[in-house]
Amino acid sequence: MNTTAAQFPYPWQRCKVIHLVRHGQAMHNVGDKDRNALLSPHLFDAQLSPLGLQQVCKLRKEVHARGLFKRIELVVTSPLHRTMQTAIGVFGNESSADEGNTDNFSAKPGGLDCPQIMAVELCRDRLGVRPCDMRRKVSECEALFPSIDFSMMDGEDDSMWNPDIREPEEEIAARMVLFMNWLWTRPEQDIVIVSHGIILQQILKVLGNDCHQAVSSALCQRFDNCELRSVVIVDKSPRAVDSMLCSPRDVLQSSSMC
């Protein structure tokens, strides 16, 4: 290895450790469903399957065994049911993750030793057409998951989901740029993102623009259900280290004014 070319010093304030987690198997992932089957209204905001609940419990044990749980400062989750179940089941308190015997992992608010769990619209699944990717009203989410912080949500109803138009991949990529711009405004340095396969792949593509092609290809492989993948990221931009905090909505507004 050419150490001169491979090593670069960066201030720790410019670095974050990001842990990417895909949700456990959900009901729309069961079996080999064709595209028409995914249009079923019965799959609205799909929940975890019995296997998905088991996968969440297994990942929780692994996270604790590796000592990762104690390092996490913030968990950012998509506001869809399957991702919130996964976030609470893996990173919530013990009573909320009762070995898969509850169908929502949301029985009680998080304990003092649990990281903050925050729902953010920007990292939700591909938008439009499929009912499994439409979210519930915020008030329903708050009742189901009282330990999750919904203060960053953009409104009670799902205004982002379009029944007639499936979000193009280039728009997903642009959304992930906005999401990562917002994430850099957060003061936490050890952050979990609980989201969806295509979203996590797009995040890694955004982050891997200046990686060696072999590294980028390996990073951006398809995620399995309940897979955790960790990366260190560096902010190389000239922005101030201690930039002011803003919400995803502020990021979207500032982008639209450019």
C-alpha atoms as a PDB file:
ATOM      1  CA  MET A   1       0.000   0.000   0.000  1.00  0.00           C
ATOM      2  CA  ASN A   2       1.210   3.483  -0.823  1.00  0.00           C
ATOM      3  CA  THR A   3       0.751   5.074   2.609  1.00  0.00           C
ATOM      4  CA  THR A   4       1.412   8.560   1.260  1.00  0.00           C
ATOM      5  CA  ALA A   5      -1.565   8.243  -1.083  1.00  0.00           C
ATOM      6  CA  ALA A   6      -3.806   6.270   1.276  1.00  0.00           C
ATOM      7  CA  GLN A   7      -3.633   8.229   4.543  1.00  0.00           C
ATOM      8  CA  PHE A   8      -5.038  11.680   5.196  1.00  0.00           C
ATOM      9  CA  PRO A   9      -5.357  13.557   8.505  1.00  0.00           C
ATOM     10  CA  TYR A  10      -8.760  15.073   9.237  1.00  0.00           C
ATOM     11  CA  PRO A  11     -10.047  16.720  12.427  1.00  0.00           C
ATOM     12  CA  TRP A  12     -12.247  14.362  14.445  1.00  0.00           C
ATOM     13  CA  GLN A  13     -15.038  16.969  14.337  1.00  0.00           C
ATOM     14  CA  ARG A  14     -15.138  16.408  10.576  1.00  0.00           C
ATOM     15  CA  CYS A  15     -15.697  12.649  10.925  1.00  0.00           C
ATOM     16  CA  LYS A  16     -18.769  10.576  11.716  1.00  0.00           C
ATOM     17  CA  VAL A  17     -19.288   6.843  12.123  1.00  0.00           C
ATOM     18  CA  ILE A  18     -22.477   5.886  10.319  1.00  0.00           C
ATOM     19  CA  HIS A  19     -24.172   2.530  10.923  1.00  0.00           C
ATOM     20  CA  LEU A  20     -26.617   1.670   8.139  1.00  0.00           C
ATOM     21  CA  VAL A  21     -29.376  -0.802   9.019  1.00  0.00           C
ATOM     22  CA  ARG A  22     -32.003  -2.183   6.680  1.00  0.00           C
ATOM     23  CA  HIS A  23     -35.311  -3.086   8.339  1.00  0.00           C
ATOM     24  CA  GLY A  24     -36.156  -6.696   9.129  1.00  0.00           C
ATOM     25  CA  GLN A  25     -38.233  -8.715   6.703  1.00  0.00           C
ATOM     26  CA  ALA A  26     -41.623  -7.038   6.282  1.00  0.00           C
ATOM     27  CA  MET A  27     -44.882  -8.508   5.011  1.00  0.00           C
ATOM     28  CA  HIS A  28     -44.318  -7.165   1.485  1.00  0.00           C
ATOM     29  CA  ASN A  29     -40.923  -8.972   1.408  1.00  0.00           C
ATOM     30  CA  VAL A  30     -42.458 -12.403   2.129  1.00  0.00           C
ATOM     31  CA  GLY A  31     -42.367 -14.773  -0.829  1.00  0.00           C
ATOM     32  CA  ASP A  32     -41.772 -13.822  -4.461  1.00  0.00           C
ATOM     33  CA  LYS A  33     -44.384 -11.114  -4.901  1.00  0.00           C
ATOM     34  CA  ASP A  34     -44.801  -9.667  -8.373  1.00  0.00           C
ATOM     35  CA  ARG A  35     -45.285  -5.938  -8.888  1.00  0.00           C
ATOM     36  CA  ASN A  36     -49.057  -6.220  -9.015  1.00  0.00           C
ATOM     37  CA  ALA A  37     -49.126  -7.958  -5.633  1.00  0.00           C
ATOM     38  CA  LEU A  38     -47.213  -5.017  -4.147  1.00  0.00           C
ATOM     39  CA  LEU A  39     -50.128  -2.771  -5.105  1.00  0.00           C
ATOM     40  CA  SER A  40     -52.404  -4.463  -2.579  1.00  0.00           C
ATOM     41  CA  PRO A  41     -53.936  -2.037  -0.066  1.00  0.00           C
ATOM     42  CA  HIS A  42     -53.546  -4.804   2.547  1.00  0.00           C
ATOM     43  CA  LEU A  43     -49.805  -4.064   2.492  1.00  0.00           C
ATOM     44  CA  PHE A  44     -50.300  -0.419   3.544  1.00  0.00           C
ATOM     45  CA  ASP A  45     -47.254   0.717   5.555  1.00  0.00           C
ATOM     46  CA  ALA A  46     -46.122  -2.913   5.795  1.00  0.00           C
ATOM     47  CA  GLN A  47     -45.153  -4.247   9.222  1.00  0.00           C
ATOM     48  CA  LEU A  48     -42.459  -6.780  10.069  1.00  0.00           C
ATOM     49  CA  SER A  49     -43.183 -10.444   9.408  1.00  0.00           C
ATOM     50  CA  PRO A  50     -42.644 -13.084  12.122  1.00  0.00           C
ATOM     51  CA  LEU A  51     -39.228 -13.767  10.575  1.00  0.00           C
ATOM     52  CA  GLY A  52     -38.504 -10.028  10.574  1.00  0.00           C
ATOM     53  CA  LEU A  53     -39.206  -9.865  14.320  1.00  0.00           C
ATOM     54  CA  GLN A  54     -36.732 -12.698  14.880  1.00  0.00           C
ATOM     55  CA  GLN A  55     -34.129 -10.934  12.743  1.00  0.00           C
ATOM     56  CA  VAL A  56     -34.511  -7.780  14.838  1.00  0.00           C
ATOM     57  CA  CYS A  57     -33.993  -9.707  18.086  1.00  0.00           C
ATOM     58  CA  LYS A  58     -30.895 -11.375  16.653  1.00  0.00           C
ATOM     59  CA  LEU A  59     -29.403  -8.066  15.554  1.00  0.00           C
ATOM     60  CA  ARG A  60     -30.130  -6.525  18.963  1.00  0.00           C
ATOM     61  CA  LYS A  61     -28.120  -9.273  20.657  1.00  0.00           C
ATOM     62  CA  GLU A  62     -25.240  -8.769  18.209  1.00  0.00           C
ATOM     63  CA  VAL A  63     -25.232  -4.988  18.736  1.00  0.00           C
ATOM     64  CA  HIS A  64     -25.042  -5.445  22.513  1.00  0.00           C
ATOM     65  CA  ALA A  65     -22.442  -8.232  22.303  1.00  0.00           C
ATOM     66  CA  ARG A  66     -20.146  -6.041  20.186  1.00  0.00           C
ATOM     67  CA  GLY A  67     -20.479  -3.088  22.561  1.00  0.00           C
ATOM     68  CA  LEU A  68     -21.920  -0.998  19.746  1.00  0.00           C
ATOM     69  CA  PHE A  69     -25.088  -0.093  21.642  1.00  0.00           C
ATOM     70  CA  LYS A  70     -23.166   1.939  24.229  1.00  0.00           C
ATOM     71  CA  ARG A  71     -21.457   4.039  21.529  1.00  0.00           C
ATOM     72  CA  ILE A  72     -24.547   5.078  19.594  1.00  0.00           C
ATOM     73  CA  GLU A  73     -25.543   8.725  20.154  1.00  0.00           C
ATOM     74  CA  LEU A  74     -28.466   9.016  17.738  1.00  0.00           C
ATOM     75  CA  VAL A  75     -30.736   6.698  15.745  1.00  0.00           C
ATOM     76  CA  VAL A  76     -32.375   8.211  12.663  1.00  0.00           C
ATOM     77  CA  THR A  77     -35.217   6.140  11.259  1.00  0.00           C
ATOM     78  CA  SER A  78     -37.532   6.251   8.293  1.00  0.00           C
ATOM     79  CA  PRO A  79     -41.088   6.952   9.546  1.00  0.00           C
ATOM     80  CA  LEU A  80     -42.500   3.773   8.011  1.00  0.00           C
ATOM     81  CA  HIS A  81     -43.774   1.082  10.366  1.00  0.00           C
ATOM     82  CA  ARG A  82     -41.214  -1.593   9.492  1.00  0.00           C
ATOM     83  CA  THR A  83     -38.227   0.693  10.032  1.00  0.00           C
ATOM     84  CA  MET A  84     -39.550   2.100  13.303  1.00  0.00           C
ATOM     85  CA  GLN A  85     -40.174  -1.450  14.557  1.00  0.00           C
ATOM     86  CA  THR A  86     -36.584  -2.275  13.677  1.00  0.00           C
ATOM     87  CA  ALA A  87     -35.163   0.881  15.264  1.00  0.00           C
ATOM     88  CA  ILE A  88     -37.036   0.321  18.542  1.00  0.00           C
ATOM     89  CA  GLY A  89     -36.416  -3.421  18.548  1.00  0.00           C
ATOM     90  CA  VAL A  90     -32.649  -3.092  18.103  1.00  0.00           C
ATOM     91  CA  PHE A  91     -31.868   0.202  19.840  1.00  0.00           C
ATOM     92  CA  GLY A  92     -34.798   0.741  22.247  1.00  0.00           C
ATOM     93  CA  ASN A  93     -35.004  -0.372  25.878  1.00  0.00           C
ATOM     94  CA  GLU A  94     -35.350  -3.992  26.948  1.00  0.00           C
ATOM     95  CA  SER A  95     -39.094  -3.835  27.624  1.00  0.00           C
ATOM     96  CA  SER A  96     -39.663  -2.636  24.063  1.00  0.00           C
ATOM     97  CA  ALA A  97     -37.773  -5.584  22.586  1.00  0.00           C
ATOM     98  CA  ASP A  98     -39.277  -8.589  24.334  1.00  0.00           C
ATOM     99  CA  GLU A  99     -37.742 -11.335  22.193  1.00  0.00           C
ATOM    100  CA  GLY A 100     -40.199 -10.767  19.353  1.00  0.00           C
ATOM    101  CA  ASN A 101     -43.317 -11.412  21.427  1.00  0.00           C
ATOM    102  CA  THR A 102     -44.741  -7.973  20.606  1.00  0.00           C
ATOM    103  CA  ASP A 103     -45.737  -6.951  17.086  1.00  0.00           C
ATOM    104  CA  ASN A 104     -44.512  -3.376  17.286  1.00  0.00           C
ATOM    105  CA  PHE A 105     -41.579  -3.199  19.737  1.00  0.00           C
ATOM    106  CA  SER A 106     -43.140  -0.048  21.185  1.00  0.00           C
ATOM    107  CA  ALA A 107     -44.604  -0.974  24.543  1.00  0.00           C
ATOM    108  CA  LYS A 108     -42.840   1.695  26.609  1.00  0.00           C
ATOM    109  CA  PRO A 109     -40.817   4.863  26.027  1.00  0.00           C
ATOM    110  CA  GLY A 110     -37.050   4.421  25.769  1.00  0.00           C
ATOM    111  CA  GLY A 111     -34.982   4.293  28.935  1.00  0.00           C
ATOM    112  CA  LEU A 112     -32.290   6.721  30.049  1.00  0.00           C
ATOM    113  CA  ASP A 113     -29.568   4.456  28.652  1.00  0.00           C
ATOM    114  CA  CYS A 114     -31.056   4.330  25.154  1.00  0.00           C
ATOM    115  CA  PRO A 115     -30.010   6.656  22.328  1.00  0.00           C
ATOM    116  CA  GLN A 116     -32.486   9.173  20.981  1.00  0.00           C
ATOM    117  CA  ILE A 117     -34.535   7.739  18.109  1.00  0.00           C
ATOM    118  CA  MET A 118     -35.745  10.327  15.600  1.00  0.00           C
ATOM    119  CA  ALA A 119     -38.059   9.849  12.602  1.00  0.00           C
ATOM    120  CA  VAL A 120     -36.988  11.767   9.483  1.00  0.00           C
ATOM    121  CA  GLU A 121     -38.951  11.913   6.220  1.00  0.00           C
ATOM    122  CA  LEU A 122     -35.913  12.326   3.962  1.00  0.00           C
ATOM    123  CA  CYS A 123     -34.681   8.757   4.564  1.00  0.00           C
ATOM    124  CA  ARG A 124     -37.979   6.974   3.927  1.00  0.00           C
ATOM    125  CA  ASP A 125     -38.475   4.398   1.169  1.00  0.00           C
ATOM    126  CA  ARG A 126     -38.985   5.064  -2.521  1.00  0.00           C
ATOM    127  CA  LEU A 127     -42.088   7.203  -2.879  1.00  0.00           C
ATOM    128  CA  GLY A 128     -45.325   6.601  -4.721  1.00  0.00           C
ATOM    129  CA  VAL A 129     -47.716   3.990  -6.150  1.00  0.00           C
ATOM    130  CA  ARG A 130     -47.105   1.102  -3.712  1.00  0.00           C
ATOM    131  CA  PRO A 131     -49.240   1.233  -0.524  1.00  0.00           C
ATOM    132  CA  CYS A 132     -46.475  -0.537   1.438  1.00  0.00           C
ATOM    133  CA  ASP A 133     -44.389   2.646   1.083  1.00  0.00           C
ATOM    134  CA  MET A 134     -47.073   5.064   2.306  1.00  0.00           C
ATOM    135  CA  ARG A 135     -46.799   6.188   5.920  1.00  0.00           C
ATOM    136  CA  ARG A 136     -49.471   6.548   8.590  1.00  0.00           C
ATOM    137  CA  LYS A 137     -50.594   9.824  10.098  1.00  0.00           C
ATOM    138  CA  VAL A 138     -48.043  11.246  12.517  1.00  0.00           C
ATOM    139  CA  SER A 139     -50.557  11.027  15.386  1.00  0.00           C
ATOM    140  CA  GLU A 140     -50.957   7.280  14.734  1.00  0.00           C
ATOM    141  CA  CYS A 141     -47.171   6.834  14.639  1.00  0.00           C
ATOM    142  CA  GLU A 142     -46.822   8.697  17.939  1.00  0.00           C
ATOM    143  CA  ALA A 143     -49.418   6.429  19.559  1.00  0.00           C
ATOM    144  CA  LEU A 144     -47.699   3.279  18.262  1.00  0.00           C
ATOM    145  CA  PHE A 145     -44.136   4.425  18.987  1.00  0.00           C
ATOM    146  CA  PRO A 146     -44.178   6.821  21.965  1.00  0.00           C
ATOM    147  CA  SER A 147     -40.394   6.593  22.415  1.00  0.00           C
ATOM    148  CA  ILE A 148     -39.645   8.001  18.938  1.00  0.00           C
ATOM    149  CA  ASP A 149     -39.145  11.732  18.386  1.00  0.00           C
ATOM    150  CA  PHE A 150     -41.438  12.929  15.565  1.00  0.00           C
ATOM    151  CA  SER A 151     -40.607  16.624  15.877  1.00  0.00           C
ATOM    152  CA  MET A 152     -38.825  16.637  12.490  1.00  0.00           C
ATOM    153  CA  MET A 153     -41.857  15.376  10.556  1.00  0.00           C
ATOM    154  CA  ASP A 154     -43.298  17.623   7.860  1.00  0.00           C
ATOM    155  CA  GLY A 155     -46.984  17.233   8.667  1.00  0.00           C
ATOM    156  CA  GLU A 156     -49.751  14.985   9.973  1.00  0.00           C
ATOM    157  CA  ASP A 157     -50.591  13.435   6.591  1.00  0.00           C
ATOM    158  CA  ASP A 158     -48.305  11.834   4.032  1.00  0.00           C
ATOM    159  CA  SER A 159     -47.928  14.595   1.438  1.00  0.00           C
ATOM    160  CA  MET A 160     -44.835  13.026  -0.157  1.00  0.00           C
ATOM    161  CA  TRP A 161     -46.505   9.837  -1.459  1.00  0.00           C
ATOM    162  CA  ASN A 162     -48.129  10.031  -4.916  1.00  0.00           C
ATOM    163  CA  PRO A 163     -50.541   7.205  -5.879  1.00  0.00           C
ATOM    164  CA  ASP A 164     -49.793   7.626  -9.594  1.00  0.00           C
ATOM    165  CA  ILE A 165     -46.047   8.323  -9.856  1.00  0.00           C
ATOM    166  CA  ARG A 166     -43.150   6.133  -8.695  1.00  0.00           C
ATOM    167  CA  GLU A 167     -40.175   8.225  -7.578  1.00  0.00           C
ATOM    168  CA  PRO A 168     -37.355   8.062 -10.190  1.00  0.00           C
ATOM    169  CA  GLU A 169     -33.938   6.886  -8.981  1.00  0.00           C
ATOM    170  CA  GLU A 170     -32.340  10.243  -9.817  1.00  0.00           C
ATOM    171  CA  GLU A 171     -34.804  11.941  -7.456  1.00  0.00           C
ATOM    172  CA  ILE A 172     -33.998   9.405  -4.735  1.00  0.00           C
ATOM    173  CA  ALA A 173     -30.307  10.214  -5.205  1.00  0.00           C
ATOM    174  CA  ALA A 174     -31.018  13.946  -4.929  1.00  0.00           C
ATOM    175  CA  ARG A 175     -33.070  13.323  -1.779  1.00  0.00           C
ATOM    176  CA  MET A 176     -30.169  11.415  -0.228  1.00  0.00           C
ATOM    177  CA  VAL A 177     -27.838  14.347  -0.909  1.00  0.00           C
ATOM    178  CA  LEU A 178     -30.257  16.561   1.043  1.00  0.00           C
ATOM    179  CA  PHE A 179     -30.488  13.960   3.802  1.00  0.00           C
ATOM    180  CA  MET A 180     -26.711  13.706   4.181  1.00  0.00           C
ATOM    181  CA  ASN A 181     -26.389  17.499   4.149  1.00  0.00           C
ATOM    182  CA  TRP A 182     -28.823  17.567   7.072  1.00  0.00           C
ATOM    183  CA  LEU A 183     -27.023  14.724   8.856  1.00  0.00           C
ATOM    184  CA  TRP A 184     -23.796  16.728   8.809  1.00  0.00           C
ATOM    185  CA  THR A 185     -25.516  19.471  10.810  1.00  0.00           C
ATOM    186  CA  ARG A 186     -26.067  17.042  13.685  1.00  0.00           C
ATOM    187  CA  PRO A 187     -23.554  17.255  16.557  1.00  0.00           C
ATOM    188  CA  GLU A 188     -23.533  13.474  17.147  1.00  0.00           C
ATOM    189  CA  GLN A 189     -20.629  11.491  15.697  1.00  0.00           C
ATOM    190  CA  ASP A 190     -21.859   7.889  16.113  1.00  0.00           C
ATOM    191  CA  ILE A 191     -25.174   7.653  14.256  1.00  0.00           C
ATOM    192  CA  VAL A 192     -27.435   4.803  13.145  1.00  0.00           C
ATOM    193  CA  ILE A 193     -29.636   5.146  10.058  1.00  0.00           C
ATOM    194  CA  VAL A 194     -32.499   2.616   9.928  1.00  0.00           C
ATOM    195  CA  SER A 195     -33.964   2.694   6.450  1.00  0.00           C
ATOM    196  CA  HIS A 196     -34.681   0.702   3.289  1.00  0.00           C
ATOM    197  CA  GLY A 197     -32.433  -1.210   0.889  1.00  0.00           C
ATOM    198  CA  ILE A 198     -32.569   1.177  -2.059  1.00  0.00           C
ATOM    199  CA  ILE A 199     -32.199   4.201   0.229  1.00  0.00           C
ATOM    200  CA  LEU A 200     -29.134   2.815   2.002  1.00  0.00           C
ATOM    201  CA  GLN A 201     -27.542   1.946  -1.338  1.00  0.00           C
ATOM    202  CA  GLN A 202     -28.130   5.489  -2.581  1.00  0.00           C
ATOM    203  CA  ILE A 203     -26.608   6.930   0.609  1.00  0.00           C
ATOM    204  CA  LEU A 204     -23.479   4.833   0.046  1.00  0.00           C
ATOM    205  CA  LYS A 205     -23.325   5.926  -3.589  1.00  0.00           C
ATOM    206  CA  VAL A 206     -23.460   9.549  -2.460  1.00  0.00           C
ATOM    207  CA  LEU A 207     -20.713   8.912   0.102  1.00  0.00           C
ATOM    208  CA  GLY A 208     -18.599   6.753  -2.211  1.00  0.00           C
ATOM    209  CA  ASN A 209     -18.118   9.226  -5.048  1.00  0.00           C
ATOM    210  CA  ASP A 210     -14.406   9.637  -4.296  1.00  0.00           C
ATOM    211  CA  CYS A 211     -13.738   6.018  -3.243  1.00  0.00           C
ATOM    212  CA  HIS A 212     -11.761   3.564  -5.314  1.00  0.00           C
ATOM    213  CA  GLN A 213     -14.197   1.837  -7.672  1.00  0.00           C
ATOM    214  CA  ALA A 214     -13.618  -1.569  -6.054  1.00  0.00           C
ATOM    215  CA  VAL A 215     -14.385  -0.160  -2.588  1.00  0.00           C
ATOM    216  CA  SER A 216     -17.460   1.683  -3.828  1.00  0.00           C
ATOM    217  CA  SER A 217     -18.810  -1.437  -5.594  1.00  0.00           C
ATOM    218  CA  ALA A 218     -18.382  -3.540  -2.459  1.00  0.00           C
ATOM    219  CA  LEU A 219     -20.015  -0.907  -0.236  1.00  0.00           C
ATOM    220  CA  CYS A 220     -23.029  -0.453  -2.489  1.00  0.00           C
ATOM    221  CA  GLN A 221     -24.076  -4.089  -2.771  1.00  0.00           C
ATOM    222  CA  ARG A 222     -27.702  -4.936  -1.998  1.00  0.00           C
ATOM    223  CA  PHE A 223     -28.580  -5.013   1.720  1.00  0.00           C
ATOM    224  CA  ASP A 224     -30.122  -8.093   3.293  1.00  0.00           C
ATOM    225  CA  ASN A 225     -33.007  -7.648   5.723  1.00  0.00           C
ATOM    226  CA  CYS A 226     -31.699  -6.496   9.113  1.00  0.00           C
ATOM    227  CA  GLU A 227     -28.137  -6.171   7.824  1.00  0.00           C
ATOM    228  CA  LEU A 228     -25.909  -3.621   9.578  1.00  0.00           C
ATOM    229  CA  ARG A 229     -23.073  -1.997   7.634  1.00  0.00           C
ATOM    230  CA  SER A 230     -20.753   0.607   9.250  1.00  0.00           C
ATOM    231  CA  VAL A 231     -18.638   3.278   7.547  1.00  0.00           C
ATOM    232  CA  VAL A 232     -16.527   6.254   8.603  1.00  0.00           C
ATOM    233  CA  ILE A 233     -17.325   9.403   6.650  1.00  0.00           C
ATOM    234  CA  VAL A 234     -15.361  12.655   6.412  1.00  0.00           C
ATOM    235  CA  ASP A 235     -16.683  16.130   5.645  1.00  0.00           C
ATOM    236  CA  LYS A 236     -14.136  17.593   3.217  1.00  0.00           C
ATOM    237  CA  SER A 237     -16.159  20.715   2.443  1.00  0.00           C
ATOM    238  CA  PRO A 238     -15.025  24.206   3.537  1.00  0.00           C
ATOM    239  CA  ARG A 239     -18.099  24.666   5.719  1.00  0.00           C
ATOM    240  CA  ALA A 240     -17.573  25.583   9.386  1.00  0.00           C
ATOM    241  CA  VAL A 241     -17.110  22.622  11.705  1.00  0.00           C
ATOM    242  CA  ASP A 242     -19.693  23.928  14.137  1.00  0.00           C
ATOM    243  CA  SER A 243     -22.406  24.734  11.584  1.00  0.00           C
ATOM    244  CA  MET A 244     -25.796  25.753  12.885  1.00  0.00           C
ATOM    245  CA  LEU A 245     -28.366  22.995  13.278  1.00  0.00           C
ATOM    246  CA  CYS A 246     -31.312  22.913  10.936  1.00  0.00           C
ATOM    247  CA  SER A 247     -34.136  20.536  10.104  1.00  0.00           C
ATOM    248  CA  PRO A 248     -34.609  18.572   6.866  1.00  0.00           C
ATOM    249  CA  ARG A 249     -37.338  21.086   6.010  1.00  0.00           C
ATOM    250  CA  ASP A 250     -34.790  23.928   6.310  1.00  0.00           C
ATOM    251  CA  VAL A 251     -32.391  22.045   4.054  1.00  0.00           C
ATOM    252  CA  LEU A 252     -35.147  21.591   1.445  1.00  0.00           C
ATOM    253  CA  GLN A 253     -36.128  25.265   1.642  1.00  0.00           C
ATOM    254  CA  SER A 254     -32.566  26.518   1.319  1.00  0.00           C
ATOM    255  CA  SER A 255     -32.008  24.175  -1.642  1.00  0.00           C
ATOM    256  CA  SER A 256     -35.110  25.478  -3.433  1.00  0.00           C
ATOM    257  CA  MET A 257     -33.864  29.052  -3.065  1.00  0.00           C
ATOM    258  CA  CYS A 258     -30.501  28.337  -4.721  1.00  0.00           C
END
